[in-house]
Each structure stands twice: as structure tokens, then as C-alpha cells.
């Protein structure tokens, strides 16, 4: 993968397939924006990615709703 030093956005990154993708991208050297509607799993995922040395940030969003985006950091 050619993602080293790139910024990536992963929706649903708090659990399941989205979290696996975010983890893989972090291992490959990307910064990861965790886009997730569940605040607790979003925070947990960001902390886990940061503990791996990844630059990670969170964005509380429900991608099904155009009025949903709310920046957290």
C-alpha cells in the first residue's frame, strides 16, 4: 500500500471492518481520521491507533445524514 504520510478517512472505524482498515492504514504509515457515530468506540479506536504511534483524530458523524457532521478534534 502506498499510504505512508497520507491522511486517510475511514467511516465506521470504531469497530469491525472499518476498525481493521484503520489499523492496517496506521500500520502502513498513514494518519487516520476515525469517522464514527458511536462516540465511545470512536474514542477507543483513536486511543488504540495513537498507542501504535499513528497520528489519529476523531470525527463524530453519521454518514447517512447530511446534517450530522460534528467535529470533535
C-alpha atoms as a PDB file:
ATOM      1  CA  UNK A   1       0.000   0.000   0.000  1.00  0.00           C
ATOM      2  CA  UNK A   2       1.239   3.499  -0.738  1.00  0.00           C
ATOM      3  CA  UNK A   3      -0.262   5.445   2.132  1.00  0.00           C
ATOM      4  CA  UNK A   4       2.802   6.420   4.159  1.00  0.00           C
ATOM      5  CA  UNK A   5       2.496  10.091   5.144  1.00  0.00           C
ATOM      6  CA  UNK A   6      -1.002  10.334   3.652  1.00  0.00           C
ATOM      7  CA  UNK A   7      -4.151  11.330   5.537  1.00  0.00           C
ATOM      8  CA  UNK A   8      -6.943   8.771   5.338  1.00  0.00           C
ATOM      9  CA  UNK A   9     -10.598   8.913   6.398  1.00  0.00           C
ATOM     10  CA  UNK A  10     -12.267   5.686   7.484  1.00  0.00           C
ATOM     11  CA  UNK A  11     -16.007   5.656   8.135  1.00  0.00           C
ATOM     12  CA  UNK A  12     -17.185   3.160  10.713  1.00  0.00           C
ATOM     13  CA  UNK A  13     -13.643   2.975  12.059  1.00  0.00           C
ATOM     14  CA  UNK A  14     -14.775   2.342  15.625  1.00  0.00           C
ATOM     15  CA  UNK A  15     -15.376  -1.373  15.119  1.00  0.00           C
ATOM     16  CA  UNK A  16     -15.476  -4.298  12.736  1.00  0.00           C
ATOM     17  CA  UNK A  17     -14.208  -3.961   9.183  1.00  0.00           C
ATOM     18  CA  UNK A  18     -13.748  -0.194   9.491  1.00  0.00           C
ATOM     19  CA  UNK A  19     -11.522  -0.601  12.529  1.00  0.00           C
ATOM     20  CA  UNK A  20      -9.497  -3.299  10.765  1.00  0.00           C
ATOM     21  CA  UNK A  21      -8.990  -0.981   7.785  1.00  0.00           C
ATOM     22  CA  UNK A  22      -7.986   1.926  10.043  1.00  0.00           C
ATOM     23  CA  UNK A  23      -5.496  -0.314  11.872  1.00  0.00           C
ATOM     24  CA  UNK A  24      -3.980  -1.541   8.610  1.00  0.00           C
ATOM     25  CA  UNK A  25      -3.628   2.001   7.286  1.00  0.00           C
ATOM     26  CA  UNK A  26      -1.956   3.075  10.534  1.00  0.00           C
ATOM     27  CA  UNK A  27       0.498   0.161  10.290  1.00  0.00           C
ATOM     28  CA  UNK A  28       1.316   1.285   6.752  1.00  0.00           C
ATOM     29  CA  UNK A  29       2.203   4.789   7.998  1.00  0.00           C
ATOM     30  CA  UNK A  30      -0.939   6.778   7.252  1.00  0.00           C
ATOM     31  CA  UNK A  31      -2.594   9.289   9.532  1.00  0.00           C
ATOM     32  CA  UNK A  32      -6.181   8.200  10.201  1.00  0.00           C
ATOM     33  CA  UNK A  33      -9.341  10.214  10.704  1.00  0.00           C
ATOM     34  CA  UNK A  34     -11.754   7.962  12.576  1.00  0.00           C
ATOM     35  CA  UNK A  35     -15.258   8.833  11.343  1.00  0.00           C
ATOM     36  CA  UNK A  36     -17.768   7.129  13.621  1.00  0.00           C
ATOM     37  CA  UNK A  37     -21.226   7.770  15.040  1.00  0.00           C
ATOM     38  CA  UNK A  38     -20.642   5.880  18.304  1.00  0.00           C
ATOM     39  CA  UNK A  39     -18.617   8.250  20.487  1.00  0.00           C
ATOM     40  CA  UNK A  40     -17.226   5.586  22.835  1.00  0.00           C
ATOM     41  CA  UNK A  41     -15.977   3.273  20.074  1.00  0.00           C
ATOM     42  CA  UNK A  42     -14.628   6.309  18.194  1.00  0.00           C
ATOM     43  CA  UNK A  43     -12.605   7.413  21.239  1.00  0.00           C
ATOM     44  CA  UNK A  44     -11.392   3.868  21.889  1.00  0.00           C
ATOM     45  CA  UNK A  45     -10.249   3.468  18.279  1.00  0.00           C
ATOM     46  CA  UNK A  46      -8.367   6.782  18.315  1.00  0.00           C
ATOM     47  CA  UNK A  47      -6.576   5.866  21.541  1.00  0.00           C
ATOM     48  CA  UNK A  48      -5.658   2.450  20.149  1.00  0.00           C
ATOM     49  CA  UNK A  49      -4.282   3.952  16.926  1.00  0.00           C
ATOM     50  CA  UNK A  50      -2.321   6.584  18.847  1.00  0.00           C
ATOM     51  CA  UNK A  51      -0.817   3.862  21.049  1.00  0.00           C
ATOM     52  CA  UNK A  52       0.548   2.336  17.822  1.00  0.00           C
ATOM     53  CA  UNK A  53       2.293   5.636  17.049  1.00  0.00           C
ATOM     54  CA  UNK A  54      -0.293   6.722  14.485  1.00  0.00           C
ATOM     55  CA  UNK A  55      -1.473  10.309  14.199  1.00  0.00           C
ATOM     56  CA  UNK A  56      -5.221   9.861  14.617  1.00  0.00           C
ATOM     57  CA  UNK A  57      -8.146  12.220  15.028  1.00  0.00           C
ATOM     58  CA  UNK A  58     -11.840  11.733  15.555  1.00  0.00           C
ATOM     59  CA  UNK A  59     -14.904  12.957  13.729  1.00  0.00           C
ATOM     60  CA  UNK A  60     -18.304  12.135  15.178  1.00  0.00           C
ATOM     61  CA  UNK A  61     -20.541  11.661  12.163  1.00  0.00           C
ATOM     62  CA  UNK A  62     -23.420   9.585  10.840  1.00  0.00           C
ATOM     63  CA  UNK A  63     -22.675   9.427   7.109  1.00  0.00           C
ATOM     64  CA  UNK A  64     -26.315   8.557   6.423  1.00  0.00           C
ATOM     65  CA  UNK A  65     -27.392  12.055   7.486  1.00  0.00           C
ATOM     66  CA  UNK A  66     -26.249  15.195   5.610  1.00  0.00           C
ATOM     67  CA  UNK A  67     -26.810  17.341   8.712  1.00  0.00           C
ATOM     68  CA  UNK A  68     -24.821  15.061  11.024  1.00  0.00           C
ATOM     69  CA  UNK A  69     -21.133  16.092  10.910  1.00  0.00           C
ATOM     70  CA  UNK A  70     -19.818  17.409  14.224  1.00  0.00           C
ATOM     71  CA  UNK A  71     -16.089  17.913  14.659  1.00  0.00           C
ATOM     72  CA  UNK A  72     -14.644  16.606  17.935  1.00  0.00           C
ATOM     73  CA  UNK A  73     -10.959  17.444  17.372  1.00  0.00           C
END
